Amino acid sequence: MDLLQRFSFSGLPIRGQWIRLDQTLKSLAQYADYPDDVKGLLGEMFAAVTMVADNLKFSGAVSLQSKGDGALTRSLAECRDQHYLRGIAHVATDKAADIRSSNLADWLGNGQLALSLLPDKSTRMNPYQGLVEIDPAGLAASLEGYFQNSEQLQTRLHFASLDGTTTGLLLQRLPDAPEASEVSIAAADDDWLTLTTLAASVTTEELATLAPKQMLLRLFHEYPCELYSPRSLSFRCSCSAEKSDQTLLVLGREDLMALASEQPEIHVDCEFCGHRYVYDQAAVAKLLNHSGSALH
C-alpha cells in the first residue's frame, strides 16, 4: 500500500513528511511504457504534489506539470482529494535515446514547471498556479526554491527511486510563534541546520528501503520525534462518461453529426488510464438530443 506520514519534532517549529509510492507507479505502468528515468521523475512529481496536498485543507486537486523542448515534452502528476493520484508523460522517443540522466532539467531542455491548485466548485476558492523555476540540480532543488521564494518556507526535499518505488522525505521550517524570543528563534535555527544536515546524510538505499520509523530513528535519534497516522494513497483516474460527452459536444452539433455519419463508432480515449468511451450513431443522436439547445 502506498502511504504518506507526517512527523514533527517536539518543541520545534519544524515539520516533516515521508511518502512511499509503489502500487501507484505499477498501476501507471499498465497504461504507458516509459523509460526508467521518466518513471522515476513521475514518481518524484507524484511524491511532491501529494506532500503539498497533504498540507492543504480543501477539496480538489494539486498538480505539478511541465513542458519543454527536450525529450520530455510534457508531464503531469496530480493528487486529488489528498488520496488519489494520476499522471502522464509525453516523451520524444527520438531524443530520449540520448538522455543518460534522472534529472528533470536534462529531460525538459528549455522548459517550464508549474504547481497548480484546482479546488472543487464547492470550496468557492479560485484556482491558483505558480511557476517553479527549474534548478539544474533537479526537481527537489527546484521545489525548495519555490517554497523559499513563494511561501517563505525553508524546505529540504530528498527523493529516492529504486526498483520501481519512489520515496520522498521533506523537512520544513515553520514560522516562529509571535511571542518567540530572539534566543528561542536562534536555537530553532540551529536545530534546523542540524536536522537538515542529518537528513542530507541519508543514502538512496536507506531512503528507498527503510520504514519511516526506522529512518527517523536512524537520522534523528537525538531529537524526540512524533510520527502520525499514515494516509493511504492509490491510483485513480477522474475520467467519466459525462466528461467524455462534454469532449464530444465541444465539436458542435453539425461537425459531430457529420463525424457520426462517416464512422460507425466514435472513440474518446482517456490518456491517463486508457479507458475507451464508445459512441455509435444512436449514442451520438441521444447525446445531441439530451444536450438540447446547448448546441447551435
C-alpha atoms as a PDB file:
ATOM      1  CA  MET A   1       0.000   0.000   0.000  1.00  0.00           C
ATOM      2  CA  ASP A   2       1.224   3.499  -0.846  1.00  0.00           C
ATOM      3  CA  LEU A   3       1.456   5.741   2.211  1.00  0.00           C
ATOM      4  CA  LEU A   4       2.253   9.246   3.393  1.00  0.00           C
ATOM      5  CA  GLN A   5       3.105  10.021   7.013  1.00  0.00           C
ATOM      6  CA  ARG A   6       3.690  13.320   8.757  1.00  0.00           C
ATOM      7  CA  PHE A   7       6.098  13.770  11.638  1.00  0.00           C
ATOM      8  CA  SER A   8       7.137  16.603  13.921  1.00  0.00           C
ATOM      9  CA  PHE A   9       9.901  17.392  16.375  1.00  0.00           C
ATOM     10  CA  SER A  10       8.933  18.037  19.978  1.00  0.00           C
ATOM     11  CA  GLY A  11       9.014  21.723  20.850  1.00  0.00           C
ATOM     12  CA  LEU A  12      10.449  22.790  17.471  1.00  0.00           C
ATOM     13  CA  PRO A  13       8.806  24.770  14.637  1.00  0.00           C
ATOM     14  CA  ILE A  14       9.881  22.080  12.166  1.00  0.00           C
ATOM     15  CA  ARG A  15       7.669  19.514  10.454  1.00  0.00           C
ATOM     16  CA  GLY A  16       8.279  16.682   8.086  1.00  0.00           C
ATOM     17  CA  GLN A  17       6.653  14.245   5.696  1.00  0.00           C
ATOM     18  CA  TRP A  18       7.612  10.805   4.448  1.00  0.00           C
ATOM     19  CA  ILE A  19       5.996   9.185   1.409  1.00  0.00           C
ATOM     20  CA  ARG A  20       6.475   5.906  -0.427  1.00  0.00           C
ATOM     21  CA  LEU A  21       4.861   5.070  -3.770  1.00  0.00           C
ATOM     22  CA  ASP A  22       4.893   1.589  -5.239  1.00  0.00           C
ATOM     23  CA  GLN A  23       1.459   0.390  -6.337  1.00  0.00           C
ATOM     24  CA  THR A  24       0.605   3.747  -7.920  1.00  0.00           C
ATOM     25  CA  LEU A  25       3.630   3.531 -10.180  1.00  0.00           C
ATOM     26  CA  LYS A  26       2.807  -0.084 -11.051  1.00  0.00           C
ATOM     27  CA  SER A  27      -0.730   0.968 -11.990  1.00  0.00           C
ATOM     28  CA  LEU A  28       0.660   3.753 -14.151  1.00  0.00           C
ATOM     29  CA  ALA A  29       2.910   1.280 -15.941  1.00  0.00           C
ATOM     30  CA  GLN A  30      -0.175  -0.649 -17.110  1.00  0.00           C
ATOM     31  CA  TYR A  31      -1.124   2.239 -19.377  1.00  0.00           C
ATOM     32  CA  ALA A  32       2.228   3.510 -20.638  1.00  0.00           C
ATOM     33  CA  ASP A  33       5.741   2.160 -21.080  1.00  0.00           C
ATOM     34  CA  TYR A  34       8.055   4.979 -20.046  1.00  0.00           C
ATOM     35  CA  PRO A  35      11.858   4.948 -19.842  1.00  0.00           C
ATOM     36  CA  ASP A  36      13.061   4.104 -16.321  1.00  0.00           C
ATOM     37  CA  ASP A  37      14.318   7.637 -15.719  1.00  0.00           C
ATOM     38  CA  VAL A  38      10.938   9.091 -16.694  1.00  0.00           C
ATOM     39  CA  LYS A  39       9.198   6.655 -14.337  1.00  0.00           C
ATOM     40  CA  GLY A  40      11.465   7.925 -11.591  1.00  0.00           C
ATOM     41  CA  LEU A  41      10.730  11.548 -12.466  1.00  0.00           C
ATOM     42  CA  LEU A  42       6.974  10.924 -12.419  1.00  0.00           C
ATOM     43  CA  GLY A  43       7.399   9.208  -9.060  1.00  0.00           C
ATOM     44  CA  GLU A  44       9.137  12.301  -7.689  1.00  0.00           C
ATOM     45  CA  MET A  45       6.406  14.541  -9.100  1.00  0.00           C
ATOM     46  CA  PHE A  46       3.707  12.356  -7.532  1.00  0.00           C
ATOM     47  CA  ALA A  47       5.503  12.472  -4.187  1.00  0.00           C
ATOM     48  CA  ALA A  48       5.824  16.249  -4.371  1.00  0.00           C
ATOM     49  CA  VAL A  49       2.178  17.024  -5.213  1.00  0.00           C
ATOM     50  CA  THR A  50       0.939  14.571  -2.593  1.00  0.00           C
ATOM     51  CA  MET A  51       3.026  16.235   0.121  1.00  0.00           C
ATOM     52  CA  VAL A  52       1.720  19.656  -0.979  1.00  0.00           C
ATOM     53  CA  ALA A  53      -1.877  18.386  -0.997  1.00  0.00           C
ATOM     54  CA  ASP A  54      -1.440  16.856   2.449  1.00  0.00           C
ATOM     55  CA  ASN A  55      -0.821  20.321   3.895  1.00  0.00           C
ATOM     56  CA  LEU A  56      -3.891  21.876   2.244  1.00  0.00           C
ATOM     57  CA  LYS A  57      -7.357  21.607   3.723  1.00  0.00           C
ATOM     58  CA  PHE A  58      -9.553  21.786   0.651  1.00  0.00           C
ATOM     59  CA  SER A  59     -11.408  19.546  -1.747  1.00  0.00           C
ATOM     60  CA  GLY A  60      -9.826  19.426  -5.170  1.00  0.00           C
ATOM     61  CA  ALA A  61      -6.579  18.631  -6.923  1.00  0.00           C
ATOM     62  CA  VAL A  62      -2.949  19.674  -6.746  1.00  0.00           C
ATOM     63  CA  SER A  63      -0.958  19.205  -9.926  1.00  0.00           C
ATOM     64  CA  LEU A  64       2.644  19.602 -10.991  1.00  0.00           C
ATOM     65  CA  GLN A  65       3.121  19.883 -14.728  1.00  0.00           C
ATOM     66  CA  SER A  66       5.979  20.514 -17.086  1.00  0.00           C
ATOM     67  CA  LYS A  67       6.506  21.283 -20.731  1.00  0.00           C
ATOM     68  CA  GLY A  68       9.723  21.670 -22.664  1.00  0.00           C
ATOM     69  CA  ASP A  69      11.556  21.202 -25.929  1.00  0.00           C
ATOM     70  CA  GLY A  70      13.671  18.298 -24.707  1.00  0.00           C
ATOM     71  CA  ALA A  71      12.995  14.568 -24.587  1.00  0.00           C
ATOM     72  CA  LEU A  72      10.235  15.093 -22.011  1.00  0.00           C
ATOM     73  CA  THR A  73       7.851  17.358 -23.894  1.00  0.00           C
ATOM     74  CA  ARG A  74       5.081  17.278 -21.312  1.00  0.00           C
ATOM     75  CA  SER A  75       4.364  15.699 -17.956  1.00  0.00           C
ATOM     76  CA  LEU A  76       1.691  15.963 -15.301  1.00  0.00           C
ATOM     77  CA  ALA A  77       1.252  14.486 -11.836  1.00  0.00           C
ATOM     78  CA  GLU A  78      -1.972  15.099  -9.942  1.00  0.00           C
ATOM     79  CA  CYS A  79      -3.198  14.356  -6.427  1.00  0.00           C
ATOM     80  CA  ARG A  80      -6.939  14.694  -5.920  1.00  0.00           C
ATOM     81  CA  ASP A  81      -8.668  14.880  -2.556  1.00  0.00           C
ATOM     82  CA  GLN A  82      -5.348  14.079  -0.833  1.00  0.00           C
ATOM     83  CA  HIS A  83      -5.629  10.386  -1.715  1.00  0.00           C
ATOM     84  CA  TYR A  84      -5.933   9.735  -5.445  1.00  0.00           C
ATOM     85  CA  LEU A  85      -3.122  10.012  -7.975  1.00  0.00           C
ATOM     86  CA  ARG A  86      -2.942  10.049 -11.743  1.00  0.00           C
ATOM     87  CA  GLY A  87      -0.336  11.275 -14.200  1.00  0.00           C
ATOM     88  CA  ILE A  88       1.115  11.145 -17.679  1.00  0.00           C
ATOM     89  CA  ALA A  89       4.276  11.899 -19.620  1.00  0.00           C
ATOM     90  CA  HIS A  90       4.842  12.617 -23.299  1.00  0.00           C
ATOM     91  CA  VAL A  91       8.285  11.501 -24.404  1.00  0.00           C
ATOM     92  CA  ALA A  92      10.002  12.308 -27.697  1.00  0.00           C
ATOM     93  CA  THR A  93      11.495   8.891 -28.331  1.00  0.00           C
ATOM     94  CA  ASP A  94      13.993  10.174 -30.888  1.00  0.00           C
ATOM     95  CA  LYS A  95      15.534  12.430 -28.230  1.00  0.00           C
ATOM     96  CA  ALA A  96      15.120  10.091 -25.261  1.00  0.00           C
ATOM     97  CA  ALA A  97      17.716   7.643 -26.544  1.00  0.00           C
ATOM     98  CA  ASP A  98      20.438  10.231 -25.934  1.00  0.00           C
ATOM     99  CA  ILE A  99      19.488  11.008 -22.310  1.00  0.00           C
ATOM    100  CA  ARG A 100      21.501   9.307 -19.587  1.00  0.00           C
ATOM    101  CA  SER A 101      20.137  11.145 -16.574  1.00  0.00           C
ATOM    102  CA  SER A 102      17.361  11.093 -13.996  1.00  0.00           C
ATOM    103  CA  ASN A 103      17.491  14.893 -13.671  1.00  0.00           C
ATOM    104  CA  LEU A 104      14.329  16.758 -14.652  1.00  0.00           C
ATOM    105  CA  ALA A 105      16.300  19.663 -16.134  1.00  0.00           C
ATOM    106  CA  ASP A 106      18.141  17.339 -18.523  1.00  0.00           C
ATOM    107  CA  TRP A 107      14.875  15.847 -19.776  1.00  0.00           C
ATOM    108  CA  LEU A 108      12.997  19.122 -20.182  1.00  0.00           C
ATOM    109  CA  GLY A 109      15.576  21.144 -22.078  1.00  0.00           C
ATOM    110  CA  ASN A 110      14.176  24.666 -22.314  1.00  0.00           C
ATOM    111  CA  GLY A 111      11.011  24.263 -20.340  1.00  0.00           C
ATOM    112  CA  GLN A 112       8.601  25.352 -17.651  1.00  0.00           C
ATOM    113  CA  LEU A 113       7.355  23.781 -14.448  1.00  0.00           C
ATOM    114  CA  ALA A 114       4.129  24.858 -12.729  1.00  0.00           C
ATOM    115  CA  LEU A 115       2.370  23.967  -9.498  1.00  0.00           C
ATOM    116  CA  SER A 116      -1.424  24.334  -9.659  1.00  0.00           C
ATOM    117  CA  LEU A 117      -4.209  24.209  -7.086  1.00  0.00           C
ATOM    118  CA  LEU A 118      -7.573  23.265  -8.590  1.00  0.00           C
ATOM    119  CA  PRO A 119     -10.299  23.495  -5.909  1.00  0.00           C
ATOM    120  CA  ASP A 120     -13.666  21.861  -6.441  1.00  0.00           C
ATOM    121  CA  LYS A 121     -16.526  24.299  -7.036  1.00  0.00           C
ATOM    122  CA  SER A 122     -17.935  23.519  -3.591  1.00  0.00           C
ATOM    123  CA  THR A 123     -14.925  25.163  -1.929  1.00  0.00           C
ATOM    124  CA  ARG A 124     -15.621  28.557  -3.562  1.00  0.00           C
ATOM    125  CA  MET A 125     -11.887  29.050  -3.932  1.00  0.00           C
ATOM    126  CA  ASN A 126     -10.179  30.341  -7.045  1.00  0.00           C
ATOM    127  CA  PRO A 127      -7.676  28.170  -8.916  1.00  0.00           C
ATOM    128  CA  TYR A 128      -4.029  29.067  -8.433  1.00  0.00           C
ATOM    129  CA  GLN A 129      -0.930  28.433 -10.494  1.00  0.00           C
ATOM    130  CA  GLY A 130       2.642  29.257  -9.560  1.00  0.00           C
ATOM    131  CA  LEU A 131       5.645  28.861 -11.819  1.00  0.00           C
ATOM    132  CA  VAL A 132       8.515  26.862 -10.380  1.00  0.00           C
ATOM    133  CA  GLU A 133      11.947  27.984 -11.506  1.00  0.00           C
ATOM    134  CA  ILE A 134      13.808  24.948 -12.817  1.00  0.00           C
ATOM    135  CA  ASP A 135      17.039  24.360 -10.916  1.00  0.00           C
ATOM    136  CA  PRO A 136      19.761  22.473 -12.820  1.00  0.00           C
ATOM    137  CA  ALA A 137      20.206  20.321  -9.718  1.00  0.00           C
ATOM    138  CA  GLY A 138      16.806  18.689 -10.239  1.00  0.00           C
ATOM    139  CA  LEU A 139      13.212  18.621  -9.044  1.00  0.00           C
ATOM    140  CA  ALA A 140      13.972  18.630  -5.313  1.00  0.00           C
ATOM    141  CA  ALA A 141      16.131  21.755  -5.581  1.00  0.00           C
ATOM    142  CA  SER A 142      13.547  23.412  -7.842  1.00  0.00           C
ATOM    143  CA  LEU A 143      10.779  22.897  -5.295  1.00  0.00           C
ATOM    144  CA  GLU A 144      12.991  24.015  -2.417  1.00  0.00           C
ATOM    145  CA  GLY A 145      13.492  27.291  -4.263  1.00  0.00           C
ATOM    146  CA  TYR A 146       9.760  27.604  -4.935  1.00  0.00           C
ATOM    147  CA  PHE A 147       8.839  27.197  -1.257  1.00  0.00           C
ATOM    148  CA  GLN A 148      11.517  29.663  -0.220  1.00  0.00           C
ATOM    149  CA  ASN A 149      10.597  32.322  -2.767  1.00  0.00           C
ATOM    150  CA  SER A 150       6.826  31.918  -2.945  1.00  0.00           C
ATOM    151  CA  GLU A 151       5.875  30.660   0.501  1.00  0.00           C
ATOM    152  CA  GLN A 152       8.814  31.978   2.565  1.00  0.00           C
ATOM    153  CA  LEU A 153       9.281  28.491   3.975  1.00  0.00           C
ATOM    154  CA  GLN A 154      12.715  26.940   4.230  1.00  0.00           C
ATOM    155  CA  THR A 155      12.352  23.425   2.843  1.00  0.00           C
ATOM    156  CA  ARG A 156      14.578  20.434   2.203  1.00  0.00           C
ATOM    157  CA  LEU A 157      13.482  17.607  -0.094  1.00  0.00           C
ATOM    158  CA  HIS A 158      15.077  14.244  -0.774  1.00  0.00           C
ATOM    159  CA  PHE A 159      13.855  11.645  -3.281  1.00  0.00           C
ATOM    160  CA  ALA A 160      14.953   8.100  -3.930  1.00  0.00           C
ATOM    161  CA  SER A 161      13.733   5.934  -6.824  1.00  0.00           C
ATOM    162  CA  LEU A 162      14.773   2.293  -6.687  1.00  0.00           C
ATOM    163  CA  ASP A 163      13.284  -0.849  -8.271  1.00  0.00           C
ATOM    164  CA  GLY A 164      10.073   0.859  -9.323  1.00  0.00           C
ATOM    165  CA  THR A 165       9.475   2.515  -5.945  1.00  0.00           C
ATOM    166  CA  THR A 166       9.786   6.209  -5.125  1.00  0.00           C
ATOM    167  CA  THR A 167      10.289   7.507  -1.599  1.00  0.00           C
ATOM    168  CA  GLY A 168      10.288  11.140  -0.541  1.00  0.00           C
ATOM    169  CA  LEU A 169      11.427  12.940   2.610  1.00  0.00           C
ATOM    170  CA  LEU A 170      10.539  16.576   3.348  1.00  0.00           C
ATOM    171  CA  LEU A 171      11.592  18.872   6.180  1.00  0.00           C
ATOM    172  CA  GLN A 172      10.093  22.339   6.533  1.00  0.00           C
ATOM    173  CA  ARG A 173      10.914  25.204   8.885  1.00  0.00           C
ATOM    174  CA  LEU A 174       7.655  26.716  10.118  1.00  0.00           C
ATOM    175  CA  PRO A 175       7.207  30.368  11.125  1.00  0.00           C
ATOM    176  CA  ASP A 176       8.150  31.154  14.708  1.00  0.00           C
ATOM    177  CA  ALA A 177       5.431  31.931  17.217  1.00  0.00           C
ATOM    178  CA  PRO A 178       4.702  35.673  17.524  1.00  0.00           C
ATOM    179  CA  GLU A 179       5.847  35.625  21.145  1.00  0.00           C
ATOM    180  CA  ALA A 180       9.073  33.726  20.410  1.00  0.00           C
ATOM    181  CA  SER A 181      12.187  35.336  21.843  1.00  0.00           C
ATOM    182  CA  GLU A 182      15.352  36.009  19.864  1.00  0.00           C
ATOM    183  CA  VAL A 183      17.083  33.302  21.863  1.00  0.00           C
ATOM    184  CA  SER A 184      14.461  30.651  21.020  1.00  0.00           C
ATOM    185  CA  ILE A 185      14.429  31.690  17.359  1.00  0.00           C
ATOM    186  CA  ALA A 186      18.205  31.376  17.168  1.00  0.00           C
ATOM    187  CA  ALA A 187      18.037  27.979  18.877  1.00  0.00           C
ATOM    188  CA  ALA A 188      15.391  26.782  16.383  1.00  0.00           C
ATOM    189  CA  ASP A 189      17.576  27.980  13.515  1.00  0.00           C
ATOM    190  CA  ASP A 190      20.477  25.962  14.907  1.00  0.00           C
ATOM    191  CA  ASP A 191      18.236  22.897  15.238  1.00  0.00           C
ATOM    192  CA  TRP A 192      17.049  23.399  11.647  1.00  0.00           C
ATOM    193  CA  LEU A 193      20.629  23.429  10.417  1.00  0.00           C
ATOM    194  CA  THR A 194      21.436  20.279  12.381  1.00  0.00           C
ATOM    195  CA  LEU A 195      18.307  18.400  11.265  1.00  0.00           C
ATOM    196  CA  THR A 196      18.745  19.260   7.593  1.00  0.00           C
ATOM    197  CA  THR A 197      22.391  18.228   7.753  1.00  0.00           C
ATOM    198  CA  LEU A 198      21.385  14.903   9.280  1.00  0.00           C
ATOM    199  CA  ALA A 199      18.658  14.418   6.652  1.00  0.00           C
ATOM    200  CA  ALA A 200      21.183  15.044   3.875  1.00  0.00           C
ATOM    201  CA  SER A 201      23.223  12.104   5.155  1.00  0.00           C
ATOM    202  CA  VAL A 202      20.534   9.581   4.186  1.00  0.00           C
ATOM    203  CA  THR A 203      21.616   7.265   1.397  1.00  0.00           C
ATOM    204  CA  THR A 204      19.449   6.365  -1.591  1.00  0.00           C
ATOM    205  CA  GLU A 205      19.179   2.769  -0.378  1.00  0.00           C
ATOM    206  CA  GLU A 206      18.198   3.829   3.150  1.00  0.00           C
ATOM    207  CA  LEU A 207      15.554   6.248   1.961  1.00  0.00           C
ATOM    208  CA  ALA A 208      14.185   3.749  -0.550  1.00  0.00           C
ATOM    209  CA  THR A 209      14.022   0.742   1.783  1.00  0.00           C
ATOM    210  CA  LEU A 210      13.719   1.747   5.446  1.00  0.00           C
ATOM    211  CA  ALA A 211      10.328   2.049   7.098  1.00  0.00           C
ATOM    212  CA  PRO A 212       9.611   5.602   8.287  1.00  0.00           C
ATOM    213  CA  LYS A 213      10.090   4.846  11.990  1.00  0.00           C
ATOM    214  CA  GLN A 214      13.428   3.169  11.294  1.00  0.00           C
ATOM    215  CA  MET A 215      14.577   6.004   9.063  1.00  0.00           C
ATOM    216  CA  LEU A 216      13.656   8.708  11.558  1.00  0.00           C
ATOM    217  CA  LEU A 217      15.472   6.827  14.306  1.00  0.00           C
ATOM    218  CA  ARG A 218      18.494   6.383  12.053  1.00  0.00           C
ATOM    219  CA  LEU A 219      18.645  10.083  11.155  1.00  0.00           C
ATOM    220  CA  PHE A 220      17.275  11.952  14.159  1.00  0.00           C
ATOM    221  CA  HIS A 221      17.770   9.693  17.183  1.00  0.00           C
ATOM    222  CA  GLU A 222      18.831  12.649  19.375  1.00  0.00           C
ATOM    223  CA  TYR A 223      15.639  14.589  18.603  1.00  0.00           C
ATOM    224  CA  PRO A 224      12.266  13.470  20.039  1.00  0.00           C
ATOM    225  CA  CYS A 225      10.064  12.862  17.015  1.00  0.00           C
ATOM    226  CA  GLU A 226       6.359  12.054  16.716  1.00  0.00           C
ATOM    227  CA  LEU A 227       5.176  10.037  13.713  1.00  0.00           C
ATOM    228  CA  TYR A 228       1.483  10.476  12.902  1.00  0.00           C
ATOM    229  CA  SER A 229      -1.043   8.055  11.428  1.00  0.00           C
ATOM    230  CA  PRO A 230      -0.448   7.245   7.759  1.00  0.00           C
ATOM    231  CA  ARG A 231      -2.581   8.448   4.866  1.00  0.00           C
ATOM    232  CA  SER A 232      -3.277   5.826   2.196  1.00  0.00           C
ATOM    233  CA  LEU A 233      -2.760   6.680  -1.474  1.00  0.00           C
ATOM    234  CA  SER A 234      -3.801   4.999  -4.704  1.00  0.00           C
ATOM    235  CA  PHE A 235      -4.014   5.454  -8.450  1.00  0.00           C
ATOM    236  CA  ARG A 236      -7.452   6.575  -9.575  1.00  0.00           C
ATOM    237  CA  CYS A 237      -8.431   8.363 -12.762  1.00  0.00           C
ATOM    238  CA  SER A 238     -11.145  11.015 -12.685  1.00  0.00           C
ATOM    239  CA  CYS A 239     -12.379  10.435 -16.232  1.00  0.00           C
ATOM    240  CA  SER A 240     -16.094   9.721 -16.680  1.00  0.00           C
ATOM    241  CA  ALA A 241     -18.775   9.242 -19.303  1.00  0.00           C
ATOM    242  CA  GLU A 242     -20.023  12.765 -18.545  1.00  0.00           C
ATOM    243  CA  LYS A 243     -16.600  14.302 -19.227  1.00  0.00           C
ATOM    244  CA  SER A 244     -16.317  12.233 -22.402  1.00  0.00           C
ATOM    245  CA  ASP A 245     -19.723  13.572 -23.508  1.00  0.00           C
ATOM    246  CA  GLN A 246     -18.543  17.123 -22.975  1.00  0.00           C
ATOM    247  CA  THR A 247     -15.428  16.453 -25.039  1.00  0.00           C
ATOM    248  CA  LEU A 248     -17.573  15.430 -27.996  1.00  0.00           C
ATOM    249  CA  LEU A 249     -20.029  18.289 -27.554  1.00  0.00           C
ATOM    250  CA  VAL A 250     -17.198  20.781 -27.949  1.00  0.00           C
ATOM    251  CA  LEU A 251     -17.129  19.782 -31.639  1.00  0.00           C
ATOM    252  CA  GLY A 252     -20.522  21.359 -32.192  1.00  0.00           C
ATOM    253  CA  ARG A 253     -23.726  19.787 -33.482  1.00  0.00           C
ATOM    254  CA  GLU A 254     -23.008  19.876 -37.220  1.00  0.00           C
ATOM    255  CA  ASP A 255     -19.432  18.577 -37.006  1.00  0.00           C
ATOM    256  CA  LEU A 256     -20.435  15.855 -34.573  1.00  0.00           C
ATOM    257  CA  MET A 257     -23.314  14.707 -36.778  1.00  0.00           C
ATOM    258  CA  ALA A 258     -21.026  14.680 -39.811  1.00  0.00           C
ATOM    259  CA  LEU A 259     -18.424  12.635 -37.936  1.00  0.00           C
ATOM    260  CA  ALA A 260     -21.063  10.141 -36.785  1.00  0.00           C
ATOM    261  CA  SER A 261     -22.325   9.710 -40.342  1.00  0.00           C
ATOM    262  CA  GLU A 262     -18.811   8.963 -41.598  1.00  0.00           C
ATOM    263  CA  GLN A 263     -17.839   6.412 -38.944  1.00  0.00           C
ATOM    264  CA  PRO A 264     -19.746   3.501 -37.379  1.00  0.00           C
ATOM    265  CA  GLU A 265     -18.249   4.404 -33.979  1.00  0.00           C
ATOM    266  CA  ILE A 266     -16.558   7.406 -32.403  1.00  0.00           C
ATOM    267  CA  HIS A 267     -13.942   6.705 -29.741  1.00  0.00           C
ATOM    268  CA  VAL A 268     -12.871   9.001 -26.909  1.00  0.00           C
ATOM    269  CA  ASP A 269      -9.829   7.586 -25.125  1.00  0.00           C
ATOM    270  CA  CYS A 270      -8.629   8.762 -21.716  1.00  0.00           C
ATOM    271  CA  GLU A 271      -4.901   9.446 -21.971  1.00  0.00           C
ATOM    272  CA  PHE A 272      -4.419   8.834 -18.244  1.00  0.00           C
ATOM    273  CA  CYS A 273      -5.959   5.385 -17.778  1.00  0.00           C
ATOM    274  CA  GLY A 274      -6.621   4.224 -21.340  1.00  0.00           C
ATOM    275  CA  HIS A 275     -10.370   3.787 -20.823  1.00  0.00           C
ATOM    276  CA  ARG A 276     -12.244   3.997 -24.120  1.00  0.00           C
ATOM    277  CA  TYR A 277     -15.689   5.584 -24.389  1.00  0.00           C
ATOM    278  CA  VAL A 278     -17.508   4.344 -27.489  1.00  0.00           C
ATOM    279  CA  TYR A 279     -20.316   6.158 -29.309  1.00  0.00           C
ATOM    280  CA  ASP A 280     -22.289   4.603 -32.144  1.00  0.00           C
ATOM    281  CA  GLN A 281     -24.721   6.671 -34.202  1.00  0.00           C
ATOM    282  CA  ALA A 282     -27.577   6.003 -31.786  1.00  0.00           C
ATOM    283  CA  ALA A 283     -25.438   7.157 -28.828  1.00  0.00           C
ATOM    284  CA  VAL A 284     -24.465  10.340 -30.671  1.00  0.00           C
ATOM    285  CA  ALA A 285     -28.106  11.064 -31.505  1.00  0.00           C
ATOM    286  CA  LYS A 286     -29.068  10.520 -27.856  1.00  0.00           C
ATOM    287  CA  LEU A 287     -26.268  12.798 -26.710  1.00  0.00           C
ATOM    288  CA  LEU A 288     -27.301  15.580 -29.080  1.00  0.00           C
ATOM    289  CA  ASN A 289     -30.936  15.206 -28.137  1.00  0.00           C
ATOM    290  CA  HIS A 290     -30.103  15.342 -24.443  1.00  0.00           C
ATOM    291  CA  SER A 291     -27.958  18.426 -24.914  1.00  0.00           C
ATOM    292  CA  GLY A 292     -30.980  20.190 -26.366  1.00  0.00           C
ATOM    293  CA  SER A 293     -30.456  23.814 -27.210  1.00  0.00           C
ATOM    294  CA  ALA A 294     -26.911  23.878 -25.804  1.00  0.00           C
ATOM    295  CA  LEU A 295     -25.520  23.248 -29.286  1.00  0.00           C
ATOM    296  CA  HIS A 296     -26.339  25.618 -32.121  1.00  0.00           C
END
